[in-house]
PDB file of N, CA and C in Angstrom:
ATOM      1  N   MET A   1       6.958   0.352   9.721  1.00  0.00           N
ATOM      2  CA  MET A   1       6.282  -0.879   9.467  1.00  0.00           C
ATOM      3  C   MET A   1       5.372  -0.903   8.264  1.00  0.00           C
ATOM      4  N   ILE A   2       5.668  -2.459   7.806  1.00  0.00           N
ATOM      5  CA  ILE A   2       4.810  -2.980   6.341  1.00  0.00           C
ATOM      6  C   ILE A   2       3.926  -4.030   7.142  1.00  0.00           C
ATOM      7  N   ALA A   3       2.398  -3.436   6.240  1.00  0.00           N
ATOM      8  CA  ALA A   3       1.282  -4.507   6.330  1.00  0.00           C
ATOM      9  C   ALA A   3       1.177  -4.968   4.963  1.00  0.00           C
ATOM     10  N   ALA A   4       0.535  -6.270   4.705  1.00  0.00           N
ATOM     11  CA  ALA A   4       0.809  -6.557   3.160  1.00  0.00           C
ATOM     12  C   ALA A   4      -1.248  -6.873   3.591  1.00  0.00           C
ATOM     13  N   SER A   5      -1.815  -6.958   2.491  1.00  0.00           N
ATOM     14  CA  SER A   5      -3.176  -7.301   2.776  1.00  0.00           C
ATOM     15  C   SER A   5      -3.296  -8.076   0.949  1.00  0.00           C
ATOM     16  N   ARG A   6      -4.353  -8.836   0.847  1.00  0.00           N
ATOM     17  CA  ARG A   6      -4.624  -9.512  -0.320  1.00  0.00           C
ATOM     18  C   ARG A   6      -5.311  -8.467  -1.324  1.00  0.00           C
ATOM     19  N   ASP A   7      -6.216  -7.754  -0.493  1.00  0.00           N
ATOM     20  CA  ASP A   7      -6.667  -6.719  -1.389  1.00  0.00           C
ATOM     21  C   ASP A   7      -6.077  -6.046  -2.773  1.00  0.00           C
ATOM     22  N   PRO A   8      -7.068  -5.644  -3.748  1.00  0.00           N
ATOM     23  CA  PRO A   8      -6.283  -4.871  -4.433  1.00  0.00           C
ATOM     24  C   PRO A   8      -5.556  -3.584  -4.162  1.00  0.00           C
ATOM     25  N   ILE A   9      -4.611  -2.936  -4.717  1.00  0.00           N
ATOM     26  CA  ILE A   9      -3.980  -1.714  -4.495  1.00  0.00           C
ATOM     27  C   ILE A   9      -5.024  -0.132  -4.142  1.00  0.00           C
ATOM     28  N   GLU A  10      -6.252  -0.198  -4.957  1.00  0.00           N
ATOM     29  CA  GLU A  10      -7.350   0.888  -5.298  1.00  0.00           C
ATOM     30  C   GLU A  10      -7.822   0.875  -3.973  1.00  0.00           C
ATOM     31  N   LYS A  11      -8.243  -0.266  -3.364  1.00  0.00           N
ATOM     32  CA  LYS A  11      -9.116  -0.957  -2.014  1.00  0.00           C
ATOM     33  C   LYS A  11      -8.131  -0.810  -1.048  1.00  0.00           C
ATOM     34  N   LEU A  12      -7.034  -0.321  -1.467  1.00  0.00           N
ATOM     35  CA  LEU A  12      -5.695  -0.169  -0.101  1.00  0.00           C
ATOM     36  C   LEU A  12      -5.641   1.283   0.051  1.00  0.00           C
ATOM     37  N   ALA A  13      -5.516   2.319  -1.194  1.00  0.00           N
ATOM     38  CA  ALA A  13      -5.532   3.531  -0.978  1.00  0.00           C
ATOM     39  C   ALA A  13      -6.506   3.866  -0.631  1.00  0.00           C
ATOM     40  N   ALA A  14      -7.741   3.594  -0.686  1.00  0.00           N
ATOM     41  CA  ALA A  14      -8.768   4.038   0.157  1.00  0.00           C
ATOM     42  C   ALA A  14      -9.098   3.454   1.490  1.00  0.00           C
ATOM     43  N   THR A  15      -8.536   3.045   1.893  1.00  0.00           N
ATOM     44  CA  THR A  15      -8.055   2.419   3.186  1.00  0.00           C
ATOM     45  C   THR A  15      -7.413   3.394   3.940  1.00  0.00           C
ATOM     46  N   THR A  16      -6.170   3.237   3.314  1.00  0.00           N
ATOM     47  CA  THR A  16      -4.880   4.371   3.957  1.00  0.00           C
ATOM     48  C   THR A  16      -5.634   5.799   4.045  1.00  0.00           C
ATOM     49  N   GLU A  17      -6.210   5.909   3.043  1.00  0.00           N
ATOM     50  CA  GLU A  17      -6.892   7.716   2.791  1.00  0.00           C
ATOM     51  C   GLU A  17      -8.271   7.667   4.363  1.00  0.00           C
ATOM     52  N   LYS A  18      -8.805   6.858   4.351  1.00  0.00           N
ATOM     53  CA  LYS A  18     -10.308   6.668   5.028  1.00  0.00           C
ATOM     54  C   LYS A  18      -9.350   6.805   6.382  1.00  0.00           C
ATOM     55  N   ASP A  19      -8.534   5.627   6.671  1.00  0.00           N
ATOM     56  CA  ASP A  19      -8.409   5.225   8.148  1.00  0.00           C
ATOM     57  C   ASP A  19      -6.721   6.077   8.685  1.00  0.00           C
ATOM     58  N   ARG A  20      -6.396   6.816   8.037  1.00  0.00           N
ATOM     59  CA  ARG A  20      -5.391   7.505   8.199  1.00  0.00           C
ATOM     60  C   ARG A  20      -3.868   6.889   8.595  1.00  0.00           C
ATOM     61  N   VAL A  21      -3.867   5.761   8.048  1.00  0.00           N
ATOM     62  CA  VAL A  21      -2.901   4.695   8.421  1.00  0.00           C
ATOM     63  C   VAL A  21      -1.407   5.449   8.291  1.00  0.00           C
ATOM     64  N   SER A  22      -0.545   5.160   8.891  1.00  0.00           N
ATOM     65  CA  SER A  22       0.689   5.441   9.360  1.00  0.00           C
ATOM     66  C   SER A  22       1.823   4.799   8.907  1.00  0.00           C
ATOM     67  N   TYR A  23       1.362   3.826   8.347  1.00  0.00           N
ATOM     68  CA  TYR A  23       2.423   2.581   7.835  1.00  0.00           C
ATOM     69  C   TYR A  23       2.378   2.281   6.455  1.00  0.00           C
ATOM     70  N   THR A  24       3.416   1.430   5.621  1.00  0.00           N
ATOM     71  CA  THR A  24       3.259   0.858   4.190  1.00  0.00           C
ATOM     72  C   THR A  24       1.800   0.106   4.587  1.00  0.00           C
ATOM     73  N   LEU A  25       1.190   0.058   3.364  1.00  0.00           N
ATOM     74  CA  LEU A  25       0.084  -1.093   3.169  1.00  0.00           C
ATOM     75  C   LEU A  25       0.281  -1.298   1.870  1.00  0.00           C
ATOM     76  N   MET A  26       0.979  -2.534   1.829  1.00  0.00           N
ATOM     77  CA  MET A  26       1.246  -3.221   0.387  1.00  0.00           C
ATOM     78  C   MET A  26       0.112  -4.155   0.170  1.00  0.00           C
ATOM     79  N   SER A  27       0.022  -4.479  -1.487  1.00  0.00           N
ATOM     80  CA  SER A  27      -1.016  -5.460  -2.159  1.00  0.00           C
ATOM     81  C   SER A  27      -0.183  -6.846  -2.009  1.00  0.00           C
ATOM     82  N   ASP A  28      -0.686  -7.800  -2.116  1.00  0.00           N
ATOM     83  CA  ASP A  28      -0.670  -8.788  -2.079  1.00  0.00           C
ATOM     84  C   ASP A  28      -1.781  -9.587  -3.030  1.00  0.00           C
ATOM     85  N   PRO A  29      -2.113  -9.463  -3.927  1.00  0.00           N
ATOM     86  CA  PRO A  29      -3.551 -10.310  -4.588  1.00  0.00           C
ATOM     87  C   PRO A  29      -3.394 -11.524  -4.835  1.00  0.00           C
ATOM     88  N   GLY A  30      -1.919 -12.042  -5.225  1.00  0.00           N
ATOM     89  CA  GLY A  30      -2.025 -13.557  -5.975  1.00  0.00           C
ATOM     90  C   GLY A  30      -1.279 -14.555  -4.632  1.00  0.00           C
ATOM     91  N   LEU A  31      -1.197 -13.592  -3.371  1.00  0.00           N
ATOM     92  CA  LEU A  31      -0.867 -14.083  -2.708  1.00  0.00           C
ATOM     93  C   LEU A  31       1.056 -14.667  -2.441  1.00  0.00           C
ATOM     94  N   ALA A  32       1.359 -14.031  -3.208  1.00  0.00           N
ATOM     95  CA  ALA A  32       2.709 -14.746  -3.411  1.00  0.00           C
ATOM     96  C   ALA A  32       3.571 -14.402  -2.366  1.00  0.00           C
ATOM     97  N   ALA A  33       3.359 -13.411  -1.801  1.00  0.00           N
ATOM     98  CA  ALA A  33       4.420 -13.213  -0.380  1.00  0.00           C
ATOM     99  C   ALA A  33       4.042 -14.111   0.415  1.00  0.00           C
ATOM    100  N   SER A  34       2.647 -13.895   0.517  1.00  0.00           N
ATOM    101  CA  SER A  34       2.028 -15.233   1.912  1.00  0.00           C
ATOM    102  C   SER A  34       2.542 -16.399   1.763  1.00  0.00           C
ATOM    103  N   ARG A  35       2.384 -16.096   0.294  1.00  0.00           N
ATOM    104  CA  ARG A  35       3.122 -18.214   0.393  1.00  0.00           C
ATOM    105  C   ARG A  35       4.896 -18.078   0.888  1.00  0.00           C
ATOM    106  N   GLN A  36       5.411 -17.264   0.577  1.00  0.00           N
ATOM    107  CA  GLN A  36       6.472 -17.643   0.581  1.00  0.00           C
ATOM    108  C   GLN A  36       6.772 -17.314   2.109  1.00  0.00           C
ATOM    109  N   PHE A  37       6.043 -16.981   3.110  1.00  0.00           N
ATOM    110  CA  PHE A  37       5.942 -16.691   4.499  1.00  0.00           C
ATOM    111  C   PHE A  37       5.400 -18.059   4.970  1.00  0.00           C
ATOM    112  N   GLY A  38       4.579 -18.471   4.393  1.00  0.00           N
ATOM    113  CA  GLY A  38       3.886 -20.199   4.633  1.00  0.00           C
ATOM    114  C   GLY A  38       2.725 -20.051   5.273  1.00  0.00           C
ATOM    115  N   ILE A  39       1.718 -18.658   5.179  1.00  0.00           N
ATOM    116  CA  ILE A  39       1.038 -18.599   5.786  1.00  0.00           C
ATOM    117  C   ILE A  39      -0.667 -18.525   5.164  1.00  0.00           C
ATOM    118  N   VAL A  40      -0.378 -19.521   3.672  1.00  0.00           N
ATOM    119  CA  VAL A  40      -1.857 -19.580   3.199  1.00  0.00           C
ATOM    120  C   VAL A  40      -2.460 -20.696   3.304  1.00  0.00           C
ATOM    121  N   PHE A  41      -3.775 -20.477   3.351  1.00  0.00           N
ATOM    122  CA  PHE A  41      -4.362 -21.821   3.637  1.00  0.00           C
ATOM    123  C   PHE A  41      -5.963 -21.618   2.479  1.00  0.00           C
ATOM    124  N   ARG A  42      -6.309 -22.812   2.873  1.00  0.00           N
ATOM    125  CA  ARG A  42      -7.486 -23.181   1.545  1.00  0.00           C
ATOM    126  C   ARG A  42      -8.655 -22.854   2.587  1.00  0.00           C
ATOM    127  N   LEU A  43      -9.887 -22.242   2.085  1.00  0.00           N
ATOM    128  CA  LEU A  43     -11.310 -22.255   2.902  1.00  0.00           C
ATOM    129  C   LEU A  43     -12.037 -23.435   2.417  1.00  0.00           C
ATOM    130  N   ASP A  44     -12.600 -23.878   3.119  1.00  0.00           N
ATOM    131  CA  ASP A  44     -13.499 -25.148   2.663  1.00  0.00           C
ATOM    132  C   ASP A  44     -14.677 -24.645   2.331  1.00  0.00           C
ATOM    133  N   PRO A  45     -15.623 -25.291   1.449  1.00  0.00           N
ATOM    134  CA  PRO A  45     -16.569 -24.958   0.793  1.00  0.00           C
ATOM    135  C   PRO A  45     -17.605 -24.152   1.211  1.00  0.00           C
ATOM    136  N   THR A  46     -17.881 -24.865   2.540  1.00  0.00           N
ATOM    137  CA  THR A  46     -19.379 -23.971   3.467  1.00  0.00           C
ATOM    138  C   THR A  46     -18.827 -22.846   3.536  1.00  0.00           C
ATOM    139  N   THR A  47     -17.317 -22.481   4.112  1.00  0.00           N
ATOM    140  CA  THR A  47     -16.745 -20.920   4.724  1.00  0.00           C
ATOM    141  C   THR A  47     -16.537 -20.239   3.509  1.00  0.00           C
ATOM    142  N   LEU A  48     -16.438 -20.437   2.420  1.00  0.00           N
ATOM    143  CA  LEU A  48     -16.232 -20.137   0.976  1.00  0.00           C
ATOM    144  C   LEU A  48     -17.936 -19.570   0.373  1.00  0.00           C
ATOM    145  N   ALA A  49     -18.713 -20.219   0.872  1.00  0.00           N
ATOM    146  CA  ALA A  49     -20.123 -19.878   0.603  1.00  0.00           C
ATOM    147  C   ALA A  49     -20.775 -18.721   1.002  1.00  0.00           C
ATOM    148  N   ARG A  50     -20.090 -18.941   2.899  1.00  0.00           N
ATOM    149  CA  ARG A  50     -20.549 -17.711   3.337  1.00  0.00           C
ATOM    150  C   ARG A  50     -19.864 -16.596   3.081  1.00  0.00           C
ATOM    151  N   TYR A  51     -18.806 -16.747   2.600  1.00  0.00           N
ATOM    152  CA  TYR A  51     -18.018 -15.369   1.931  1.00  0.00           C
ATOM    153  C   TYR A  51     -18.907 -14.969   1.177  1.00  0.00           C
ATOM    154  N   ARG A  52     -18.980 -15.997   0.263  1.00  0.00           N
ATOM    155  CA  ARG A  52     -19.989 -15.272  -0.974  1.00  0.00           C
ATOM    156  C   ARG A  52     -21.285 -14.657  -0.718  1.00  0.00           C
ATOM    157  N   GLU A  53     -21.595 -15.407   0.212  1.00  0.00           N
ATOM    158  CA  GLU A  53     -23.074 -14.526   1.002  1.00  0.00           C
ATOM    159  C   GLU A  53     -23.161 -13.471   1.457  1.00  0.00           C
ATOM    160  N   ALA A  54     -22.129 -13.210   2.071  1.00  0.00           N
ATOM    161  CA  ALA A  54     -21.886 -11.998   2.946  1.00  0.00           C
ATOM    162  C   ALA A  54     -21.385 -10.597   1.655  1.00  0.00           C
ATOM    163  N   GLY A  55     -21.215 -11.128   0.454  1.00  0.00           N
ATOM    164  CA  GLY A  55     -20.675  -9.850  -0.605  1.00  0.00           C
ATOM    165  C   GLY A  55     -19.139  -9.956  -1.004  1.00  0.00           C
ATOM    166  N   ILE A  56     -18.275 -11.225  -0.287  1.00  0.00           N
ATOM    167  CA  ILE A  56     -17.148 -10.991  -0.207  1.00  0.00           C
ATOM    168  C   ILE A  56     -16.701 -11.808  -0.872  1.00  0.00           C
ATOM    169  N   GLU A  57     -16.249 -11.736  -2.598  1.00  0.00           N
ATOM    170  CA  GLU A  57     -15.659 -11.861  -3.604  1.00  0.00           C
ATOM    171  C   GLU A  57     -14.197 -12.586  -3.738  1.00  0.00           C
ATOM    172  N   LEU A  58     -14.002 -13.649  -3.505  1.00  0.00           N
ATOM    173  CA  LEU A  58     -12.565 -13.719  -3.531  1.00  0.00           C
ATOM    174  C   LEU A  58     -12.140 -14.458  -4.710  1.00  0.00           C
ATOM    175  N   ASP A  59     -10.492 -14.271  -5.107  1.00  0.00           N
ATOM    176  CA  ASP A  59     -10.172 -14.828  -6.079  1.00  0.00           C
ATOM    177  C   ASP A  59      -9.321 -16.257  -5.809  1.00  0.00           C
ATOM    178  N   GLY A  60     -10.251 -17.148  -5.947  1.00  0.00           N
ATOM    179  CA  GLY A  60      -9.950 -18.185  -5.497  1.00  0.00           C
ATOM    180  C   GLY A  60     -10.676 -18.595  -4.146  1.00  0.00           C
ATOM    181  N   ASP A  61      -9.765 -19.406  -3.876  1.00  0.00           N
ATOM    182  CA  ASP A  61     -10.399 -20.216  -2.483  1.00  0.00           C
ATOM    183  C   ASP A  61      -9.180 -20.358  -1.184  1.00  0.00           C
ATOM    184  N   GLN A  62      -8.134 -19.149  -1.731  1.00  0.00           N
ATOM    185  CA  GLN A  62      -7.392 -19.264  -0.068  1.00  0.00           C
ATOM    186  C   GLN A  62      -7.269 -17.788   0.146  1.00  0.00           C
ATOM    187  N   LEU A  63      -6.842 -17.809   1.678  1.00  0.00           N
ATOM    188  CA  LEU A  63      -6.603 -16.797   2.045  1.00  0.00           C
ATOM    189  C   LEU A  63      -5.036 -16.854   2.915  1.00  0.00           C
ATOM    190  N   PRO A  64      -4.933 -15.561   3.483  1.00  0.00           N
ATOM    191  CA  PRO A  64      -3.457 -15.841   4.408  1.00  0.00           C
ATOM    192  C   PRO A  64      -3.785 -15.750   5.790  1.00  0.00           C
ATOM    193  N   VAL A  65      -3.566 -16.290   6.553  1.00  0.00           N
ATOM    194  CA  VAL A  65      -3.281 -16.586   8.007  1.00  0.00           C
ATOM    195  C   VAL A  65      -2.838 -15.040   8.642  1.00  0.00           C
ATOM    196  N   PRO A  66      -3.553 -14.411   9.558  1.00  0.00           N
ATOM    197  CA  PRO A  66      -3.031 -13.140  10.078  1.00  0.00           C
ATOM    198  C   PRO A  66      -1.740 -13.514  10.924  1.00  0.00           C
ATOM    199  N   ALA A  67      -0.838 -12.638  10.287  1.00  0.00           N
ATOM    200  CA  ALA A  67       0.849 -13.107  11.018  1.00  0.00           C
ATOM    201  C   ALA A  67       1.307 -11.971  11.314  1.00  0.00           C
ATOM    202  N   VAL A  68       2.454 -11.777  11.643  1.00  0.00           N
ATOM    203  CA  VAL A  68       3.496 -10.960  12.160  1.00  0.00           C
ATOM    204  C   VAL A  68       4.612 -11.313  12.269  1.00  0.00           C
ATOM    205  N   PHE A  69       5.680 -10.847  11.586  1.00  0.00           N
ATOM    206  CA  PHE A  69       6.911 -11.004  11.629  1.00  0.00           C
ATOM    207  C   PHE A  69       7.510  -9.800  12.100  1.00  0.00           C
ATOM    208  N   VAL A  70       8.867 -10.081  12.756  1.00  0.00           N
ATOM    209  CA  VAL A  70      10.086  -9.339  13.169  1.00  0.00           C
ATOM    210  C   VAL A  70      11.209  -9.317  12.338  1.00  0.00           C
ATOM    211  N   ILE A  71      11.603  -8.419  11.296  1.00  0.00           N
ATOM    212  CA  ILE A  71      12.681  -9.092  10.331  1.00  0.00           C
ATOM    213  C   ILE A  71      13.764  -8.046  10.533  1.00  0.00           C
ATOM    214  N   ASP A  72      15.015  -8.455  10.353  1.00  0.00           N
ATOM    215  CA  ASP A  72      16.131  -7.724  10.689  1.00  0.00           C
ATOM    216  C   ASP A  72      16.529  -7.266   9.010  1.00  0.00           C
ATOM    217  N   ALA A  73      17.461  -6.124   9.264  1.00  0.00           N
ATOM    218  CA  ALA A  73      17.922  -5.819   8.124  1.00  0.00           C
ATOM    219  C   ALA A  73      18.437  -6.935   6.771  1.00  0.00           C
ATOM    220  N   GLU A  74      19.061  -7.513   7.628  1.00  0.00           N
ATOM    221  CA  GLU A  74      19.289  -8.702   6.706  1.00  0.00           C
ATOM    222  C   GLU A  74      18.434  -9.931   5.877  1.00  0.00           C
ATOM    223  N   GLY A  75      17.400  -9.695   6.457  1.00  0.00           N
ATOM    224  CA  GLY A  75      16.050 -10.434   6.224  1.00  0.00           C
ATOM    225  C   GLY A  75      15.823 -11.651   6.910  1.00  0.00           C
ATOM    226  N   LYS A  76      16.139 -11.606   7.863  1.00  0.00           N
ATOM    227  CA  LYS A  76      16.187 -13.123   9.111  1.00  0.00           C
ATOM    228  C   LYS A  76      15.035 -12.404   9.568  1.00  0.00           C
ATOM    229  N   ILE A  77      14.168 -13.522   9.888  1.00  0.00           N
ATOM    230  CA  ILE A  77      12.860 -13.272  10.817  1.00  0.00           C
ATOM    231  C   ILE A  77      13.596 -13.651  12.352  1.00  0.00           C
ATOM    232  N   LEU A  78      13.226 -12.534  12.938  1.00  0.00           N
ATOM    233  CA  LEU A  78      13.915 -12.512  14.230  1.00  0.00           C
ATOM    234  C   LEU A  78      12.568 -13.072  15.314  1.00  0.00           C
ATOM    235  N   PHE A  79      11.274 -13.019  14.648  1.00  0.00           N
ATOM    236  CA  PHE A  79      10.164 -13.112  15.652  1.00  0.00           C
ATOM    237  C   PHE A  79       8.988 -13.174  14.614  1.00  0.00           C
ATOM    238  N   SER A  80       8.065 -14.460  14.840  1.00  0.00           N
ATOM    239  CA  SER A  80       6.890 -14.586  14.262  1.00  0.00           C
ATOM    240  C   SER A  80       5.534 -15.287  14.850  1.00  0.00           C
ATOM    241  N   TYR A  81       4.532 -14.469  14.717  1.00  0.00           N
ATOM    242  CA  TYR A  81       3.563 -15.180  15.371  1.00  0.00           C
ATOM    243  C   TYR A  81       2.363 -15.267  14.212  1.00  0.00           C
ATOM    244  N   ALA A  82       1.591 -16.513  14.149  1.00  0.00           N
ATOM    245  CA  ALA A  82       0.557 -16.504  13.092  1.00  0.00           C
ATOM    246  C   ALA A  82      -0.507 -17.432  13.861  1.00  0.00           C
ATOM    247  N   ASN A  83      -1.390 -17.093  13.672  1.00  0.00           N
ATOM    248  CA  ASN A  83      -2.714 -18.151  14.528  1.00  0.00           C
ATOM    249  C   ASN A  83      -4.128 -17.959  13.410  1.00  0.00           C
ATOM    250  N   PRO A  84      -4.329 -19.680  12.796  1.00  0.00           N
ATOM    251  CA  PRO A  84      -5.250 -19.399  12.074  1.00  0.00           C
ATOM    252  C   PRO A  84      -6.622 -19.184  12.376  1.00  0.00           C
ATOM    253  N   ASP A  85      -6.856 -18.712  13.733  1.00  0.00           N
ATOM    254  CA  ASP A  85      -8.080 -18.168  13.919  1.00  0.00           C
ATOM    255  C   ASP A  85      -7.996 -16.806  14.041  1.00  0.00           C
ATOM    256  N   TYR A  86      -8.368 -15.935  13.240  1.00  0.00           N
ATOM    257  CA  TYR A  86      -8.170 -14.373  12.646  1.00  0.00           C
ATOM    258  C   TYR A  86      -8.540 -13.891  13.536  1.00  0.00           C
ATOM    259  N   ARG A  87      -9.579 -14.215  14.797  1.00  0.00           N
ATOM    260  CA  ARG A  87      -9.984 -13.659  16.020  1.00  0.00           C
ATOM    261  C   ARG A  87      -8.970 -13.460  17.140  1.00  0.00           C
ATOM    262  N   VAL A  88      -8.176 -14.128  17.312  1.00  0.00           N
ATOM    263  CA  VAL A  88      -6.852 -14.167  18.223  1.00  0.00           C
ATOM    264  C   VAL A  88      -5.559 -13.369  17.543  1.00  0.00           C
ATOM    265  N   ARG A  89      -5.705 -12.301  18.084  1.00  0.00           N
ATOM    266  CA  ARG A  89      -4.630 -11.648  17.561  1.00  0.00           C
ATOM    267  C   ARG A  89      -3.747 -11.319  18.776  1.00  0.00           C
ATOM    268  N   LEU A  90      -2.263 -10.916  18.180  1.00  0.00           N
ATOM    269  CA  LEU A  90      -1.079 -11.265  19.062  1.00  0.00           C
ATOM    270  C   LEU A  90      -1.443  -9.960  19.690  1.00  0.00           C
ATOM    271  N   ASP A  91      -0.971 -10.000  21.249  1.00  0.00           N
ATOM    272  CA  ASP A  91      -1.002  -8.692  22.000  1.00  0.00           C
ATOM    273  C   ASP A  91       0.123  -7.663  21.609  1.00  0.00           C
ATOM    274  N   THR A  92      -0.160  -6.425  21.641  1.00  0.00           N
ATOM    275  CA  THR A  92       0.509  -5.199  21.200  1.00  0.00           C
ATOM    276  C   THR A  92       1.954  -5.412  22.056  1.00  0.00           C
ATOM    277  N   ARG A  93       1.826  -5.685  23.467  1.00  0.00           N
ATOM    278  CA  ARG A  93       2.878  -5.460  24.422  1.00  0.00           C
ATOM    279  C   ARG A  93       3.958  -6.772  24.109  1.00  0.00           C
ATOM    280  N   ILE A  94       3.751  -7.733  23.380  1.00  0.00           N
ATOM    281  CA  ILE A  94       4.507  -8.904  22.913  1.00  0.00           C
ATOM    282  C   ILE A  94       5.208  -8.508  21.903  1.00  0.00           C
ATOM    283  N   LEU A  95       4.165  -8.303  20.969  1.00  0.00           N
ATOM    284  CA  LEU A  95       5.081  -7.187  19.450  1.00  0.00           C
ATOM    285  C   LEU A  95       5.954  -6.306  19.742  1.00  0.00           C
ATOM    286  N   MET A  96       5.722  -5.304  20.629  1.00  0.00           N
ATOM    287  CA  MET A  96       6.537  -4.118  21.017  1.00  0.00           C
ATOM    288  C   MET A  96       7.531  -4.557  21.943  1.00  0.00           C
ATOM    289  N   ALA A  97       7.612  -5.918  22.914  1.00  0.00           N
ATOM    290  CA  ALA A  97       8.742  -6.430  23.289  1.00  0.00           C
ATOM    291  C   ALA A  97      10.093  -7.145  22.014  1.00  0.00           C
ATOM    292  N   ALA A  98       9.053  -7.784  21.034  1.00  0.00           N
ATOM    293  CA  ALA A  98       9.819  -8.313  19.842  1.00  0.00           C
ATOM    294  C   ALA A  98      10.644  -7.459  18.998  1.00  0.00           C
ATOM    295  N   ALA A  99       9.785  -6.156  19.046  1.00  0.00           N
ATOM    296  CA  ALA A  99      10.769  -5.190  18.010  1.00  0.00           C
ATOM    297  C   ALA A  99      11.748  -4.739  18.815  1.00  0.00           C
ATOM    298  N   ALA A 100      11.522  -4.326  20.293  1.00  0.00           N
ATOM    299  CA  ALA A 100      12.566  -3.721  20.990  1.00  0.00           C
ATOM    300  C   ALA A 100      13.529  -4.709  21.136  1.00  0.00           C
ATOM    301  N   ALA A 101      13.472  -5.954  21.459  1.00  0.00           N
ATOM    302  CA  ALA A 101      14.715  -7.211  21.139  1.00  0.00           C
ATOM    303  C   ALA A 101      15.402  -6.999  19.986  1.00  0.00           C
ATOM    304  N   ALA A 102      14.885  -6.827  18.762  1.00  0.00           N
ATOM    305  CA  ALA A 102      15.500  -6.914  17.286  1.00  0.00           C
ATOM    306  C   ALA A 102      16.641  -5.784  17.538  1.00  0.00           C
ATOM    307  N   VAL A 103      15.869  -4.761  17.859  1.00  0.00           N
ATOM    308  CA  VAL A 103      16.574  -3.151  17.825  1.00  0.00           C
ATOM    309  C   VAL A 103      17.934  -3.308  18.674  1.00  0.00           C
ATOM    310  N   ASP A 104      17.814  -4.107  19.625  1.00  0.00           N
ATOM    311  CA  ASP A 104      18.771  -4.189  20.553  1.00  0.00           C
ATOM    312  C   ASP A 104      19.952  -5.303  20.157  1.00  0.00           C
ATOM    313  N   LYS A 105      19.500  -5.961  18.802  1.00  0.00           N
ATOM    314  CA  LYS A 105      20.394  -7.014  18.938  1.00  0.00           C
ATOM    315  C   LYS A 105      21.749  -6.547  17.876  1.00  0.00           C
TER     316      LYS A 105
END
Protein backbone atom coordinates (compact mmCIF):
# COMPACT_ATOMS: atom_id res chain seq x y z
CA MET A 1 0.00 0.00 0.00
CA ILE A 2 1.18 3.47 -0.88
CA ALA A 3 -0.31 6.73 0.36
CA ALA A 4 0.36 10.16 -1.09
CA SER A 5 0.09 13.51 0.63
CA ARG A 6 0.78 17.06 -0.44
CA ASP A 7 2.75 17.53 2.79
CA PRO A 8 6.54 17.94 2.50
CA ILE A 9 8.79 14.91 3.06
CA GLU A 10 10.00 16.23 6.44
CA LYS A 11 6.46 16.38 7.82
CA LEU A 12 5.65 12.91 6.47
CA ALA A 13 8.76 11.48 8.12
CA ALA A 14 7.59 12.85 11.46
CA THR A 15 4.09 11.45 10.87
CA THR A 16 5.50 8.04 9.96
CA GLU A 17 7.51 7.89 13.18
CA LYS A 18 4.80 9.33 15.42
CA ASP A 19 1.92 7.23 14.08
CA ARG A 20 4.05 4.13 13.32
CA VAL A 21 2.54 3.74 9.86
CA SER A 22 3.29 0.42 8.18
CA TYR A 23 2.81 1.57 4.60
CA THR A 24 4.79 3.74 2.22
CA LEU A 25 3.91 7.42 2.60
CA MET A 26 4.98 9.59 -0.33
CA SER A 27 5.07 13.35 -0.78
CA ASP A 28 3.29 15.05 -3.69
CA PRO A 29 3.82 18.73 -2.75
CA GLY A 30 3.33 20.07 -6.27
CA LEU A 31 0.28 17.83 -6.77
CA ALA A 32 1.74 16.36 -9.98
CA ALA A 33 0.59 12.82 -9.16
CA SER A 34 -2.77 14.09 -7.94
CA ARG A 35 -3.26 15.94 -11.22
CA GLN A 36 -2.44 12.77 -13.17
CA PHE A 37 -5.20 10.99 -11.25
CA GLY A 38 -7.60 13.89 -11.89
CA ILE A 39 -8.35 14.57 -8.22
CA VAL A 40 -7.17 18.18 -7.74
CA PHE A 41 -9.66 20.93 -6.93
CA ARG A 42 -9.38 24.66 -6.33
CA LEU A 43 -10.41 26.09 -2.96
CA ASP A 44 -12.83 28.98 -3.00
CA PRO A 45 -11.54 32.23 -1.41
CA THR A 46 -13.67 31.81 1.76
CA THR A 47 -12.39 28.29 2.45
CA LEU A 48 -8.81 29.33 1.68
CA ALA A 49 -9.16 32.18 4.21
CA ARG A 50 -10.46 29.70 6.83
CA TYR A 51 -7.44 27.47 6.26
CA ARG A 52 -5.10 30.42 6.76
CA GLU A 53 -6.98 31.53 9.90
CA ALA A 54 -6.50 28.03 11.29
CA GLY A 55 -2.75 28.30 10.66
CA ILE A 56 -2.79 25.90 7.71
CA GLU A 57 -0.56 27.34 5.02
CA LEU A 58 -0.99 25.97 1.53
CA ASP A 59 1.31 26.45 -1.41
CA GLY A 60 -1.37 27.82 -3.72
CA ASP A 61 -5.11 27.30 -3.62
CA GLN A 62 -5.42 23.67 -4.66
CA LEU A 63 -5.82 20.40 -2.79
CA PRO A 64 -6.35 16.78 -3.79
CA VAL A 65 -9.71 15.14 -3.17
CA PRO A 66 -9.23 12.19 -0.78
CA ALA A 67 -9.16 9.18 -3.09
CA VAL A 68 -8.35 5.47 -3.16
CA PHE A 69 -7.12 3.50 -6.16
CA VAL A 70 -6.44 -0.21 -6.56
CA ILE A 71 -3.87 -0.56 -9.34
CA ASP A 72 -2.56 -3.79 -10.82
CA ALA A 73 1.07 -4.61 -11.67
CA GLU A 74 0.59 -3.30 -15.22
CA GLY A 75 -0.64 0.07 -13.95
CA LYS A 76 -4.31 -0.48 -14.79
CA ILE A 77 -6.75 1.09 -12.33
CA LEU A 78 -9.05 -1.71 -11.19
CA PHE A 79 -11.00 0.28 -8.60
CA SER A 80 -11.27 3.94 -7.70
CA TYR A 81 -13.11 5.98 -5.12
CA ALA A 82 -13.05 9.75 -4.67
CA ASN A 83 -15.43 12.00 -2.79
CA PRO A 84 -15.09 15.79 -2.76
CA ASP A 85 -16.48 15.77 0.80
CA TYR A 86 -13.35 14.84 2.78
CA ARG A 87 -15.55 13.74 5.69
CA VAL A 88 -17.00 10.86 3.65
CA ARG A 89 -14.47 8.05 3.57
CA LEU A 90 -14.53 4.72 1.82
CA ASP A 91 -15.78 1.84 3.94
CA THR A 92 -12.84 -0.45 4.71
CA ARG A 93 -14.88 -3.53 3.78
CA ILE A 94 -15.42 -2.18 0.27
CA LEU A 95 -11.72 -1.43 -0.13
CA MET A 96 -10.75 -4.88 1.10
CA ALA A 97 -13.21 -6.50 -1.32
CA ALA A 98 -11.78 -4.46 -4.21
CA ALA A 99 -8.23 -5.43 -3.23
CA ALA A 100 -9.19 -9.09 -2.93
CA ALA A 101 -10.83 -9.01 -6.36
CA ALA A 102 -7.66 -7.48 -7.82
CA VAL A 103 -5.54 -10.26 -6.34
CA ASP A 104 -7.92 -12.92 -7.69
CA LYS A 105 -7.89 -11.31 -11.14
